[in-house]
C-alpha cells in the first residue's frame, strides 16, 4: 500500500503538483502509525520487521520527514504554500490506505488466533 503512495508522491513532486507536500506528510504519518502499531503488537520476528529498536528508529525517521516537509525552505521554494491544494481525492487516498492496511492486519490477527 505504501509503495503506491510513495510512487504517486514522487511523481507529484517531479511534476510539482499542488498536492505533493500533503501526500508526503500523509505518508510520514501513515508510516508513524504503522510503526507504532507494530511496536505495540510485538510481532517482530513473525512479521519480518526486525527488532523493536528498528521500529523506534523508523518512528524517529517518520517524525524527521514530517518536520522536513512542514518546515523546509527547499520544499517551500519547490512548491510554495500559496500553490498547494488538497482535494477530496487526496483525502480519499489517504483514508483508504489505512483502512485497507487495518483490514489486512485484523484479518491476519484473527486468522492467527483461530489457528492457535
PDB file of N, CA and C in Angstrom:
ATOM      1  N   UNK A   1       0.819  -1.203   0.000  1.00  0.00           N
ATOM      2  CA  UNK A   1       0.000   0.000   0.000  1.00  0.00           C
ATOM      3  C   UNK A   1       0.857   1.258   0.000  1.00  0.00           C
ATOM      4  N   UNK A   2       1.888   1.232   0.841  1.00  0.00           N
ATOM      5  CA  UNK A   2       2.733   2.410   0.965  1.00  0.00           C
ATOM      6  C   UNK A   2       3.562   2.659  -0.290  1.00  0.00           C
ATOM      7  N   UNK A   3       3.895   1.594  -0.999  1.00  0.00           N
ATOM      8  CA  UNK A   3       4.693   1.749  -2.206  1.00  0.00           C
ATOM      9  C   UNK A   3       3.947   2.556  -3.265  1.00  0.00           C
ATOM     10  N   UNK A   4       2.654   2.288  -3.406  1.00  0.00           N
ATOM     11  CA  UNK A   4       1.839   3.003  -4.391  1.00  0.00           C
ATOM     12  C   UNK A   4       1.767   4.490  -4.020  1.00  0.00           C
ATOM     13  N   UNK A   5       1.545   4.769  -2.748  1.00  0.00           N
ATOM     14  CA  UNK A   5       1.519   6.172  -2.307  1.00  0.00           C
ATOM     15  C   UNK A   5       2.871   6.838  -2.524  1.00  0.00           C
ATOM     16  N   UNK A   6       3.934   6.102  -2.275  1.00  0.00           N
ATOM     17  CA  UNK A   6       5.281   6.653  -2.455  1.00  0.00           C
ATOM     18  C   UNK A   6       5.562   7.022  -3.901  1.00  0.00           C
ATOM     19  N   UNK A   7       5.190   6.138  -4.818  1.00  0.00           N
ATOM     20  CA  UNK A   7       5.397   6.424  -6.245  1.00  0.00           C
ATOM     21  C   UNK A   7       4.544   7.617  -6.666  1.00  0.00           C
ATOM     22  N   UNK A   8       3.287   7.644  -6.227  1.00  0.00           N
ATOM     23  CA  UNK A   8       2.408   8.775  -6.558  1.00  0.00           C
ATOM     24  C   UNK A   8       3.012  10.088  -6.048  1.00  0.00           C
ATOM     25  N   UNK A   9       3.515  10.071  -4.830  1.00  0.00           N
ATOM     26  CA  UNK A   9       4.086  11.287  -4.239  1.00  0.00           C
ATOM     27  C   UNK A   9       5.353  11.705  -4.975  1.00  0.00           C
ATOM     28  N   UNK A  10       6.188  10.745  -5.334  1.00  0.00           N
ATOM     29  CA  UNK A  10       7.409  11.066  -6.078  1.00  0.00           C
ATOM     30  C   UNK A  10       7.074  11.716  -7.412  1.00  0.00           C
ATOM     31  N   UNK A  11       6.117  11.146  -8.122  1.00  0.00           N
ATOM     32  CA  UNK A  11       5.696  11.721  -9.407  1.00  0.00           C
ATOM     33  C   UNK A  11       5.098  13.117  -9.181  1.00  0.00           C
ATOM     34  N   UNK A  12       4.330  13.270  -8.104  1.00  0.00           N
ATOM     35  CA  UNK A  12       3.735  14.579  -7.807  1.00  0.00           C
ATOM     36  C   UNK A  12       4.819  15.627  -7.556  1.00  0.00           C
ATOM     37  N   UNK A  13       5.894  15.264  -6.867  1.00  0.00           N
ATOM     38  CA  UNK A  13       6.992  16.217  -6.637  1.00  0.00           C
ATOM     39  C   UNK A  13       7.730  16.528  -7.930  1.00  0.00           C
ATOM     40  N   UNK A  14       7.955  15.515  -8.754  1.00  0.00           N
ATOM     41  CA  UNK A  14       8.649  15.752 -10.027  1.00  0.00           C
ATOM     42  C   UNK A  14       7.841  16.709 -10.898  1.00  0.00           C
ATOM     43  N   UNK A  15       6.536  16.533 -10.905  1.00  0.00           N
ATOM     44  CA  UNK A  15       5.659  17.403 -11.709  1.00  0.00           C
ATOM     45  C   UNK A  15       5.251  18.673 -10.965  1.00  0.00           C
ATOM     46  N   UNK A  16       5.703  18.797  -9.722  1.00  0.00           N
ATOM     47  CA  UNK A  16       5.383  19.947  -8.861  1.00  0.00           C
ATOM     48  C   UNK A  16       3.881  20.173  -8.735  1.00  0.00           C
ATOM     49  N   UNK A  17       3.202  19.078  -8.473  1.00  0.00           N
ATOM     50  CA  UNK A  17       1.748  19.143  -8.311  1.00  0.00           C
ATOM     51  C   UNK A  17       1.410  19.778  -6.960  1.00  0.00           C
ATOM     52  N   UNK A  18       0.271  20.443  -6.878  1.00  0.00           N
ATOM     53  CA  UNK A  18      -0.094  21.147  -5.645  1.00  0.00           C
ATOM     54  C   UNK A  18      -0.372  20.235  -4.448  1.00  0.00           C
ATOM     55  N   UNK A  19      -0.571  18.936  -4.684  1.00  0.00           N
ATOM     56  CA  UNK A  19      -0.858  18.036  -3.569  1.00  0.00           C
ATOM     57  C   UNK A  19       0.351  17.237  -3.091  1.00  0.00           C
ATOM     58  N   UNK A  20       1.528  17.499  -3.648  1.00  0.00           N
ATOM     59  CA  UNK A  20       2.710  16.698  -3.337  1.00  0.00           C
ATOM     60  C   UNK A  20       3.097  16.773  -1.863  1.00  0.00           C
ATOM     61  N   UNK A  21       3.097  17.960  -1.290  1.00  0.00           N
ATOM     62  CA  UNK A  21       3.509  18.119   0.104  1.00  0.00           C
ATOM     63  C   UNK A  21       2.503  17.426   1.037  1.00  0.00           C
ATOM     64  N   UNK A  22       1.237  17.577   0.754  1.00  0.00           N
ATOM     65  CA  UNK A  22       0.210  16.900   1.561  1.00  0.00           C
ATOM     66  C   UNK A  22       0.406  15.392   1.528  1.00  0.00           C
ATOM     67  N   UNK A  23       0.648  14.844   0.348  1.00  0.00           N
ATOM     68  CA  UNK A  23       0.828  13.407   0.237  1.00  0.00           C
ATOM     69  C   UNK A  23       2.094  12.955   0.968  1.00  0.00           C
ATOM     70  N   UNK A  24       3.158  13.723   0.879  1.00  0.00           N
ATOM     71  CA  UNK A  24       4.400  13.365   1.574  1.00  0.00           C
ATOM     72  C   UNK A  24       4.206  13.370   3.087  1.00  0.00           C
ATOM     73  N   UNK A  25       3.520  14.386   3.596  1.00  0.00           N
ATOM     74  CA  UNK A  25       3.233  14.431   5.035  1.00  0.00           C
ATOM     75  C   UNK A  25       2.327  13.277   5.443  1.00  0.00           C
ATOM     76  N   UNK A  26       1.375  12.948   4.596  1.00  0.00           N
ATOM     77  CA  UNK A  26       0.464  11.845   4.889  1.00  0.00           C
ATOM     78  C   UNK A  26       1.198  10.519   4.976  1.00  0.00           C
ATOM     79  N   UNK A  27       2.143  10.301   4.059  1.00  0.00           N
ATOM     80  CA  UNK A  27       2.929   9.071   4.100  1.00  0.00           C
ATOM     81  C   UNK A  27       3.730   8.994   5.393  1.00  0.00           C
ATOM     82  N   UNK A  28       4.316  10.106   5.795  1.00  0.00           N
ATOM     83  CA  UNK A  28       5.082  10.118   7.046  1.00  0.00           C
ATOM     84  C   UNK A  28       4.191   9.756   8.232  1.00  0.00           C
ATOM     85  N   UNK A  29       2.983  10.296   8.268  1.00  0.00           N
ATOM     86  CA  UNK A  29       2.049   9.987   9.361  1.00  0.00           C
ATOM     87  C   UNK A  29       1.612   8.523   9.299  1.00  0.00           C
ATOM     88  N   UNK A  30       1.345   8.016   8.109  1.00  0.00           N
ATOM     89  CA  UNK A  30       0.935   6.617   7.971  1.00  0.00           C
ATOM     90  C   UNK A  30       2.056   5.667   8.405  1.00  0.00           C
ATOM     91  N   UNK A  31       3.299   5.993   8.043  1.00  0.00           N
ATOM     92  CA  UNK A  31       4.424   5.179   8.497  1.00  0.00           C
ATOM     93  C   UNK A  31       4.559   5.247  10.015  1.00  0.00           C
ATOM     94  N   UNK A  32       4.351   6.409  10.576  1.00  0.00           N
ATOM     95  CA  UNK A  32       4.420   6.570  12.026  1.00  0.00           C
ATOM     96  C   UNK A  32       3.388   5.674  12.713  1.00  0.00           C
ATOM     97  N   UNK A  33       2.161   5.734  12.249  1.00  0.00           N
ATOM     98  CA  UNK A  33       1.090   4.916  12.834  1.00  0.00           C
ATOM     99  C   UNK A  33       1.388   3.430  12.649  1.00  0.00           C
ATOM    100  N   UNK A  34       1.833   3.059  11.471  1.00  0.00           N
ATOM    101  CA  UNK A  34       2.155   1.658  11.191  1.00  0.00           C
ATOM    102  C   UNK A  34       3.251   1.145  12.117  1.00  0.00           C
ATOM    103  N   UNK A  35       4.287   1.931  12.294  1.00  0.00           N
ATOM    104  CA  UNK A  35       5.390   1.509  13.160  1.00  0.00           C
ATOM    105  C   UNK A  35       4.979   1.447  14.626  1.00  0.00           C
ATOM    106  N   UNK A  36       4.154   2.366  15.052  1.00  0.00           N
ATOM    107  CA  UNK A  36       3.673   2.329  16.436  1.00  0.00           C
ATOM    108  C   UNK A  36       2.813   1.087  16.663  1.00  0.00           C
ATOM    109  N   UNK A  37       1.943   0.772  15.703  1.00  0.00           N
ATOM    110  CA  UNK A  37       1.106  -0.424  15.840  1.00  0.00           C
ATOM    111  C   UNK A  37       1.967  -1.682  15.885  1.00  0.00           C
ATOM    112  N   UNK A  38       2.972  -1.760  15.035  1.00  0.00           N
ATOM    113  CA  UNK A  38       3.864  -2.911  15.042  1.00  0.00           C
ATOM    114  C   UNK A  38       4.630  -2.992  16.356  1.00  0.00           C
ATOM    115  N   UNK A  39       5.021  -1.860  16.879  1.00  0.00           N
ATOM    116  CA  UNK A  39       5.746  -1.827  18.150  1.00  0.00           C
ATOM    117  C   UNK A  39       4.881  -2.361  19.279  1.00  0.00           C
ATOM    118  N   UNK A  40       3.597  -2.015  19.290  1.00  0.00           N
ATOM    119  CA  UNK A  40       2.710  -2.453  20.365  1.00  0.00           C
ATOM    120  C   UNK A  40       2.239  -3.902  20.217  1.00  0.00           C
ATOM    121  N   UNK A  41       2.153  -4.406  18.979  1.00  0.00           N
ATOM    122  CA  UNK A  41       1.696  -5.778  18.813  1.00  0.00           C
ATOM    123  C   UNK A  41       2.788  -6.777  19.153  1.00  0.00           C
ATOM    124  N   UNK A  42       4.044  -6.402  18.960  1.00  0.00           N
ATOM    125  CA  UNK A  42       5.150  -7.276  19.327  1.00  0.00           C
ATOM    126  C   UNK A  42       5.438  -8.389  18.344  1.00  0.00           C
ATOM    127  N   UNK A  43       4.897  -8.353  17.144  1.00  0.00           N
ATOM    128  CA  UNK A  43       5.136  -9.385  16.127  1.00  0.00           C
ATOM    129  C   UNK A  43       6.383  -9.075  15.312  1.00  0.00           C
ATOM    130  N   UNK A  44       7.522  -9.009  15.952  1.00  0.00           N
ATOM    131  CA  UNK A  44       8.733  -8.595  15.248  1.00  0.00           C
ATOM    132  C   UNK A  44       9.317  -9.718  14.403  1.00  0.00           C
ATOM    133  N   UNK A  45       9.563 -10.856  15.002  1.00  0.00           N
ATOM    134  CA  UNK A  45      10.162 -11.962  14.256  1.00  0.00           C
ATOM    135  C   UNK A  45       9.183 -12.544  13.248  1.00  0.00           C
ATOM    136  N   UNK A  46       7.919 -12.687  13.639  1.00  0.00           N
ATOM    137  CA  UNK A  46       6.933 -13.296  12.769  1.00  0.00           C
ATOM    138  C   UNK A  46       6.594 -12.427  11.560  1.00  0.00           C
ATOM    139  N   UNK A  47       6.583 -11.107  11.755  1.00  0.00           N
ATOM    140  CA  UNK A  47       6.199 -10.224  10.651  1.00  0.00           C
ATOM    141  C   UNK A  47       7.380  -9.814   9.789  1.00  0.00           C
ATOM    142  N   UNK A  48       8.585 -10.147  10.213  1.00  0.00           N
ATOM    143  CA  UNK A  48       9.770  -9.836   9.423  1.00  0.00           C
ATOM    144  C   UNK A  48      10.197  -8.386   9.457  1.00  0.00           C
ATOM    145  N   UNK A  49       9.773  -7.643  10.463  1.00  0.00           N
ATOM    146  CA  UNK A  49      10.132  -6.224  10.518  1.00  0.00           C
ATOM    147  C   UNK A  49      11.359  -5.955  11.373  1.00  0.00           C
ATOM    148  N   UNK A  50      11.976  -6.995  11.882  1.00  0.00           N
ATOM    149  CA  UNK A  50      13.179  -6.801  12.668  1.00  0.00           C
ATOM    150  C   UNK A  50      12.888  -6.566  14.138  1.00  0.00           C
ATOM    151  N   UNK A  51      13.815  -5.930  14.789  1.00  0.00           N
ATOM    152  CA  UNK A  51      13.741  -5.750  16.237  1.00  0.00           C
ATOM    153  C   UNK A  51      12.937  -4.512  16.627  1.00  0.00           C
ATOM    154  N   UNK A  52      12.570  -4.427  17.903  1.00  0.00           N
ATOM    155  CA  UNK A  52      11.860  -3.220  18.371  1.00  0.00           C
ATOM    156  C   UNK A  52      12.663  -1.937  18.157  1.00  0.00           C
ATOM    157  N   UNK A  53      13.987  -2.036  18.262  1.00  0.00           N
ATOM    158  CA  UNK A  53      14.806  -0.830  18.058  1.00  0.00           C
ATOM    159  C   UNK A  53      14.671  -0.324  16.621  1.00  0.00           C
ATOM    160  N   UNK A  54      14.496  -1.240  15.658  1.00  0.00           N
ATOM    161  CA  UNK A  54      14.274  -0.818  14.263  1.00  0.00           C
ATOM    162  C   UNK A  54      12.972  -0.039  14.122  1.00  0.00           C
ATOM    163  N   UNK A  55      11.951  -0.443  14.855  1.00  0.00           N
ATOM    164  CA  UNK A  55      10.668   0.267  14.813  1.00  0.00           C
ATOM    165  C   UNK A  55      10.808   1.649  15.436  1.00  0.00           C
ATOM    166  N   UNK A  56      11.549   1.752  16.532  1.00  0.00           N
ATOM    167  CA  UNK A  56      11.756   3.054  17.180  1.00  0.00           C
ATOM    168  C   UNK A  56      12.531   3.986  16.248  1.00  0.00           C
ATOM    169  N   UNK A  57      13.535   3.445  15.567  1.00  0.00           N
ATOM    170  CA  UNK A  57      14.297   4.251  14.599  1.00  0.00           C
ATOM    171  C   UNK A  57      13.377   4.709  13.463  1.00  0.00           C
ATOM    172  N   UNK A  58      12.525   3.817  12.976  1.00  0.00           N
ATOM    173  CA  UNK A  58      11.582   4.187  11.911  1.00  0.00           C
ATOM    174  C   UNK A  58      10.598   5.263  12.367  1.00  0.00           C
ATOM    175  N   UNK A  59      10.171   5.174  13.631  1.00  0.00           N
ATOM    176  CA  UNK A  59       9.297   6.214  14.182  1.00  0.00           C
ATOM    177  C   UNK A  59      10.016   7.555  14.172  1.00  0.00           C
ATOM    178  N   UNK A  60      11.278   7.545  14.574  1.00  0.00           N
ATOM    179  CA  UNK A  60      12.072   8.777  14.553  1.00  0.00           C
ATOM    180  C   UNK A  60      12.200   9.362  13.161  1.00  0.00           C
ATOM    181  N   UNK A  61      12.467   8.497  12.159  1.00  0.00           N
ATOM    182  CA  UNK A  61      12.586   8.984  10.782  1.00  0.00           C
ATOM    183  C   UNK A  61      11.268   9.526  10.247  1.00  0.00           C
ATOM    184  N   UNK A  62      10.167   8.923  10.651  1.00  0.00           N
ATOM    185  CA  UNK A  62       8.857   9.438  10.231  1.00  0.00           C
ATOM    186  C   UNK A  62       8.647  10.854  10.748  1.00  0.00           C
ATOM    187  N   UNK A  63       9.039  11.091  11.984  1.00  0.00           N
ATOM    188  CA  UNK A  63       8.916  12.431  12.575  1.00  0.00           C
ATOM    189  C   UNK A  63       9.840  13.413  11.868  1.00  0.00           C
ATOM    190  N   UNK A  64      11.062  12.975  11.570  1.00  0.00           N
ATOM    191  CA  UNK A  64      12.020  13.839  10.865  1.00  0.00           C
ATOM    192  C   UNK A  64      11.478  14.245   9.499  1.00  0.00           C
ATOM    193  N   UNK A  65      10.967  13.275   8.734  1.00  0.00           N
ATOM    194  CA  UNK A  65      10.447  13.589   7.406  1.00  0.00           C
ATOM    195  C   UNK A  65       9.212  14.486   7.473  1.00  0.00           C
ATOM    196  N   UNK A  66       8.336  14.244   8.435  1.00  0.00           N
ATOM    197  CA  UNK A  66       7.171  15.115   8.572  1.00  0.00           C
ATOM    198  C   UNK A  66       7.608  16.553   8.853  1.00  0.00           C
ATOM    199  N   UNK A  67       8.566  16.722   9.745  1.00  0.00           N
ATOM    200  CA  UNK A  67       9.075  18.065  10.059  1.00  0.00           C
ATOM    201  C   UNK A  67       9.755  18.685   8.846  1.00  0.00           C
ATOM    202  N   UNK A  68      10.506  17.877   8.089  1.00  0.00           N
ATOM    203  CA  UNK A  68      11.170  18.398   6.892  1.00  0.00           C
ATOM    204  C   UNK A  68      10.150  18.936   5.899  1.00  0.00           C
ATOM    205  N   UNK A  69       9.114  18.157   5.625  1.00  0.00           N
ATOM    206  CA  UNK A  69       8.105  18.613   4.669  1.00  0.00           C
ATOM    207  C   UNK A  69       7.277  19.773   5.221  1.00  0.00           C
ATOM    208  N   UNK A  70       7.242  19.930   6.519  1.00  0.00           N
ATOM    209  CA  UNK A  70       6.480  21.029   7.126  1.00  0.00           C
ATOM    210  C   UNK A  70       7.259  22.336   7.183  1.00  0.00           C
ATOM    211  N   UNK A  71       8.580  22.252   7.422  1.00  0.00           N
ATOM    212  CA  UNK A  71       9.338  23.472   7.724  1.00  0.00           C
ATOM    213  C   UNK A  71      10.491  23.780   6.771  1.00  0.00           C
ATOM    214  N   UNK A  72      10.783  22.906   5.829  1.00  0.00           N
ATOM    215  CA  UNK A  72      11.936  23.094   4.960  1.00  0.00           C
ATOM    216  C   UNK A  72      11.736  24.242   3.966  1.00  0.00           C
ATOM    217  N   UNK A  73      12.755  25.083   3.862  1.00  0.00           N
ATOM    218  CA  UNK A  73      12.727  26.163   2.866  1.00  0.00           C
ATOM    219  C   UNK A  73      12.810  25.604   1.449  1.00  0.00           C
ATOM    220  N   UNK A  74      13.525  24.492   1.283  1.00  0.00           N
ATOM    221  CA  UNK A  74      13.635  23.883  -0.045  1.00  0.00           C
ATOM    222  C   UNK A  74      12.265  23.406  -0.541  1.00  0.00           C
ATOM    223  N   UNK A  75      11.499  22.818   0.352  1.00  0.00           N
ATOM    224  CA  UNK A  75      10.158  22.357  -0.031  1.00  0.00           C
ATOM    225  C   UNK A  75       9.268  23.559  -0.324  1.00  0.00           C
ATOM    226  N   UNK A  76       9.390  24.614   0.485  1.00  0.00           N
ATOM    227  CA  UNK A  76       8.588  25.824   0.254  1.00  0.00           C
ATOM    228  C   UNK A  76       8.947  26.495  -1.068  1.00  0.00           C
ATOM    229  N   UNK A  77      10.244  26.433  -1.448  1.00  0.00           N
ATOM    230  CA  UNK A  77      10.654  27.000  -2.733  1.00  0.00           C
ATOM    231  C   UNK A  77      10.166  26.148  -3.900  1.00  0.00           C
ATOM    232  N   UNK A  78      10.212  24.838  -3.722  1.00  0.00           N
ATOM    233  CA  UNK A  78       9.800  23.932  -4.795  1.00  0.00           C
ATOM    234  C   UNK A  78       8.296  24.010  -5.049  1.00  0.00           C
ATOM    235  N   UNK A  79       7.526  23.975  -3.961  1.00  0.00           N
ATOM    236  CA  UNK A  79       6.066  24.077  -4.069  1.00  0.00           C
ATOM    237  C   UNK A  79       5.612  25.103  -3.031  1.00  0.00           C
ATOM    238  N   UNK A  80       5.484  26.360  -3.447  1.00  0.00           N
ATOM    239  CA  UNK A  80       5.097  27.415  -2.492  1.00  0.00           C
ATOM    240  C   UNK A  80       3.748  27.117  -1.834  1.00  0.00           C
ATOM    241  N   UNK A  81       3.616  27.569  -0.593  1.00  0.00           N
ATOM    242  CA  UNK A  81       2.395  27.303   0.168  1.00  0.00           C
ATOM    243  C   UNK A  81       1.151  27.874  -0.518  1.00  0.00           C
ATOM    244  N   UNK A  82       1.310  28.963  -1.237  1.00  0.00           N
ATOM    245  CA  UNK A  82       0.162  29.580  -1.914  1.00  0.00           C
ATOM    246  C   UNK A  82      -0.401  28.686  -3.014  1.00  0.00           C
ATOM    247  N   UNK A  83       0.447  27.826  -3.589  1.00  0.00           N
ATOM    248  CA  UNK A  83       0.003  26.981  -4.701  1.00  0.00           C
ATOM    249  C   UNK A  83      -0.454  25.599  -4.257  1.00  0.00           C
ATOM    250  N   UNK A  84      -0.293  25.277  -2.992  1.00  0.00           N
ATOM    251  CA  UNK A  84      -0.662  23.946  -2.501  1.00  0.00           C
ATOM    252  C   UNK A  84      -2.176  23.820  -2.376  1.00  0.00           C
ATOM    253  N   UNK A  85      -2.676  22.689  -2.841  1.00  0.00           N
ATOM    254  CA  UNK A  85      -4.110  22.405  -2.746  1.00  0.00           C
ATOM    255  C   UNK A  85      -4.296  20.944  -2.362  1.00  0.00           C
ATOM    256  N   UNK A  86      -5.306  20.709  -1.574  1.00  0.00           N
ATOM    257  CA  UNK A  86      -5.666  19.346  -1.197  1.00  0.00           C
ATOM    258  C   UNK A  86      -7.095  19.112  -1.657  1.00  0.00           C
ATOM    259  N   UNK A  87      -7.269  18.076  -2.454  1.00  0.00           N
ATOM    260  CA  UNK A  87      -8.598  17.774  -2.990  1.00  0.00           C
ATOM    261  C   UNK A  87      -9.238  16.638  -2.208  1.00  0.00           C
ATOM    262  N   UNK A  88     -10.491  16.393  -2.493  1.00  0.00           N
ATOM    263  CA  UNK A  88     -11.182  15.284  -1.848  1.00  0.00           C
ATOM    264  C   UNK A  88     -10.567  13.963  -2.259  1.00  0.00           C
ATOM    265  N   UNK A  89      -9.971  13.898  -3.464  1.00  0.00           N
ATOM    266  CA  UNK A  89      -9.304  12.676  -3.918  1.00  0.00           C
ATOM    267  C   UNK A  89      -8.096  12.365  -3.043  1.00  0.00           C
ATOM    268  N   UNK A  90      -7.370  13.408  -2.639  1.00  0.00           N
ATOM    269  CA  UNK A  90      -6.228  13.202  -1.751  1.00  0.00           C
ATOM    270  C   UNK A  90      -6.670  12.632  -0.413  1.00  0.00           C
ATOM    271  N   UNK A  91      -7.732  13.209   0.125  1.00  0.00           N
ATOM    272  CA  UNK A  91      -8.248  12.710   1.404  1.00  0.00           C
ATOM    273  C   UNK A  91      -8.759  11.277   1.264  1.00  0.00           C
ATOM    274  N   UNK A  92      -9.368  10.960   0.136  1.00  0.00           N
ATOM    275  CA  UNK A  92      -9.863   9.608  -0.099  1.00  0.00           C
ATOM    276  C   UNK A  92      -8.705   8.609  -0.156  1.00  0.00           C
ATOM    277  N   UNK A  93      -7.660   8.964  -0.875  1.00  0.00           N
ATOM    278  CA  UNK A  93      -6.484   8.096  -0.963  1.00  0.00           C
ATOM    279  C   UNK A  93      -5.883   7.869   0.413  1.00  0.00           C
ATOM    280  N   UNK A  94      -5.736   8.937   1.160  1.00  0.00           N
ATOM    281  CA  UNK A  94      -5.124   8.841   2.488  1.00  0.00           C
ATOM    282  C   UNK A  94      -6.021   8.054   3.443  1.00  0.00           C
ATOM    283  N   UNK A  95      -7.315   8.104   3.262  1.00  0.00           N
ATOM    284  CA  UNK A  95      -8.233   7.369   4.136  1.00  0.00           C
ATOM    285  C   UNK A  95      -8.315   5.892   3.758  1.00  0.00           C
ATOM    286  N   UNK A  96      -8.238   5.587   2.479  1.00  0.00           N
ATOM    287  CA  UNK A  96      -8.384   4.206   2.032  1.00  0.00           C
ATOM    288  C   UNK A  96      -7.185   3.352   2.438  1.00  0.00           C
ATOM    289  N   UNK A  97      -5.999   3.898   2.344  1.00  0.00           N
ATOM    290  CA  UNK A  97      -4.801   3.107   2.656  1.00  0.00           C
ATOM    291  C   UNK A  97      -4.813   2.579   4.089  1.00  0.00           C
ATOM    292  N   UNK A  98      -5.063   3.404   5.108  1.00  0.00           N
ATOM    293  CA  UNK A  98      -5.107   2.829   6.459  1.00  0.00           C
ATOM    294  C   UNK A  98      -6.245   1.832   6.651  1.00  0.00           C
ATOM    295  N   UNK A  99      -7.374   2.074   6.002  1.00  0.00           N
ATOM    296  CA  UNK A  99      -8.490   1.142   6.131  1.00  0.00           C
ATOM    297  C   UNK A  99      -8.098  -0.219   5.547  1.00  0.00           C
ATOM    298  N   UNK A 100      -7.474  -0.213   4.391  1.00  0.00           N
ATOM    299  CA  UNK A 100      -7.019  -1.475   3.799  1.00  0.00           C
ATOM    300  C   UNK A 100      -5.971  -2.141   4.678  1.00  0.00           C
ATOM    301  N   UNK A 101      -5.017  -1.349   5.152  1.00  0.00           N
ATOM    302  CA  UNK A 101      -3.953  -1.888   5.993  1.00  0.00           C
ATOM    303  C   UNK A 101      -4.519  -2.466   7.284  1.00  0.00           C
ATOM    304  N   UNK A 102      -5.422  -1.746   7.930  1.00  0.00           N
ATOM    305  CA  UNK A 102      -6.029  -2.241   9.165  1.00  0.00           C
ATOM    306  C   UNK A 102      -6.871  -3.484   8.907  1.00  0.00           C
ATOM    307  N   UNK A 103      -7.554  -3.526   7.780  1.00  0.00           N
ATOM    308  CA  UNK A 103      -8.348  -4.712   7.443  1.00  0.00           C
ATOM    309  C   UNK A 103      -7.456  -5.941   7.316  1.00  0.00           C
ATOM    310  N   UNK A 104      -6.365  -5.801   6.588  1.00  0.00           N
ATOM    311  CA  UNK A 104      -5.426  -6.917   6.440  1.00  0.00           C
ATOM    312  C   UNK A 104      -4.836  -7.284   7.799  1.00  0.00           C
ATOM    313  N   UNK A 105      -4.495  -6.285   8.599  1.00  0.00           N
ATOM    314  CA  UNK A 105      -3.917  -6.517   9.921  1.00  0.00           C
ATOM    315  C   UNK A 105      -4.874  -7.323  10.802  1.00  0.00           C
ATOM    316  N   UNK A 106      -6.129  -6.887  10.891  1.00  0.00           N
ATOM    317  CA  UNK A 106      -7.084  -7.561  11.771  1.00  0.00           C
ATOM    318  C   UNK A 106      -7.494  -8.931  11.244  1.00  0.00           C
ATOM    319  N   UNK A 107      -7.635  -9.076   9.934  1.00  0.00           N
ATOM    320  CA  UNK A 107      -7.954 -10.383   9.366  1.00  0.00           C
ATOM    321  C   UNK A 107      -6.831 -11.373   9.673  1.00  0.00           C
ATOM    322  N   UNK A 108      -5.597 -10.948   9.474  1.00  0.00           N
ATOM    323  CA  UNK A 108      -4.452 -11.790   9.792  1.00  0.00           C
ATOM    324  C   UNK A 108      -4.401 -12.126  11.263  1.00  0.00           C
ATOM    325  N   UNK A 109      -4.637 -11.136  12.095  1.00  0.00           N
ATOM    326  CA  UNK A 109      -4.622 -11.331  13.554  1.00  0.00           C
ATOM    327  C   UNK A 109      -5.662 -12.360  13.978  1.00  0.00           C
ATOM    328  N   UNK A 110      -6.878 -12.232  13.470  1.00  0.00           N
ATOM    329  CA  UNK A 110      -7.944 -13.164  13.845  1.00  0.00           C
ATOM    330  C   UNK A 110      -7.715 -14.562  13.261  1.00  0.00           C
ATOM    331  N   UNK A 111      -7.153 -14.642  12.061  1.00  0.00           N
ATOM    332  CA  UNK A 111      -6.822 -15.948  11.493  1.00  0.00           C
ATOM    333  C   UNK A 111      -5.743 -16.643  12.324  1.00  0.00           C
ATOM    334  N   UNK A 112      -4.782 -15.870  12.801  1.00  0.00           N
ATOM    335  CA  UNK A 112      -3.755 -16.444  13.675  1.00  0.00           C
ATOM    336  C   UNK A 112      -4.343 -16.904  15.000  1.00  0.00           C
ATOM    337  N   UNK A 113      -5.310 -16.167  15.514  1.00  0.00           N
ATOM    338  CA  UNK A 113      -5.976 -16.585  16.757  1.00  0.00           C
ATOM    339  C   UNK A 113      -6.762 -17.881  16.554  1.00  0.00           C
ATOM    340  N   UNK A 114      -7.434 -17.982  15.408  1.00  0.00           N
ATOM    341  CA  UNK A 114      -8.211 -19.187  15.131  1.00  0.00           C
ATOM    342  C   UNK A 114      -7.304 -20.398  14.910  1.00  0.00           C
ATOM    343  N   UNK A 115      -6.135 -20.162  14.321  1.00  0.00           N
ATOM    344  CA  UNK A 115      -5.217 -21.263  14.058  1.00  0.00           C
ATOM    345  C   UNK A 115      -4.529 -21.753  15.326  1.00  0.00           C
ATOM    346  N   UNK A 116      -4.466 -20.922  16.343  1.00  0.00           N
ATOM    347  CA  UNK A 116      -3.767 -21.303  17.589  1.00  0.00           C
ATOM    348  C   UNK A 116      -4.554 -22.226  18.458  1.00  0.00           C
TER     349      UNK A 116
END
